Amino acid sequence: QVQLVESGGGLVQPGDSLRLSCAASGLAFSGYALGWFRQAPGKEREFVGAINWSGGLTAYIKSVEGRFTIARDNAKNTVNLQMNSLKPEDTAVYYCAADFGGRYSPRTVDSEYEYWGQGTQVTVSS
């Protein structure tokens, strides 16, 4: 049984940093691209960023480029999302997901991801 478990969410102030982690089990972790998505209240889920199987290739949406960084540790079956200079508009539930088809070049469409975590809430507010 595949499990992706996110952690690290919370309430922070604008300008703060937060690191989300996702621990995977039940799959050949290094054979998958890992992505982060988010969903704000009343909005559709959107792609945030993703990393290929080796960690050598990443992709981000424009609004987080230069602020967010994805890194993975294939020995520990974990992927992290380091979020700096957080803004109120970053408030959302954040999900990690695994994509076999995008393992060489990360993809941005949520329907292409086979496995999903339960999400972790990030709230940015003063």
Foldseek 3Di string as FASTA:
>chain_A
DKAKAKDWADEAAAQAKTKMKIAIDDDQLLLWKKFKWWDDPPGDIFTAKIAASVRPAMDGDPVQPPFWDWGDDSVRRMIMIIGGRDDQVVWTWMKMFIANVCRPPDDTDPVRTDDIHPTDTHGYHD
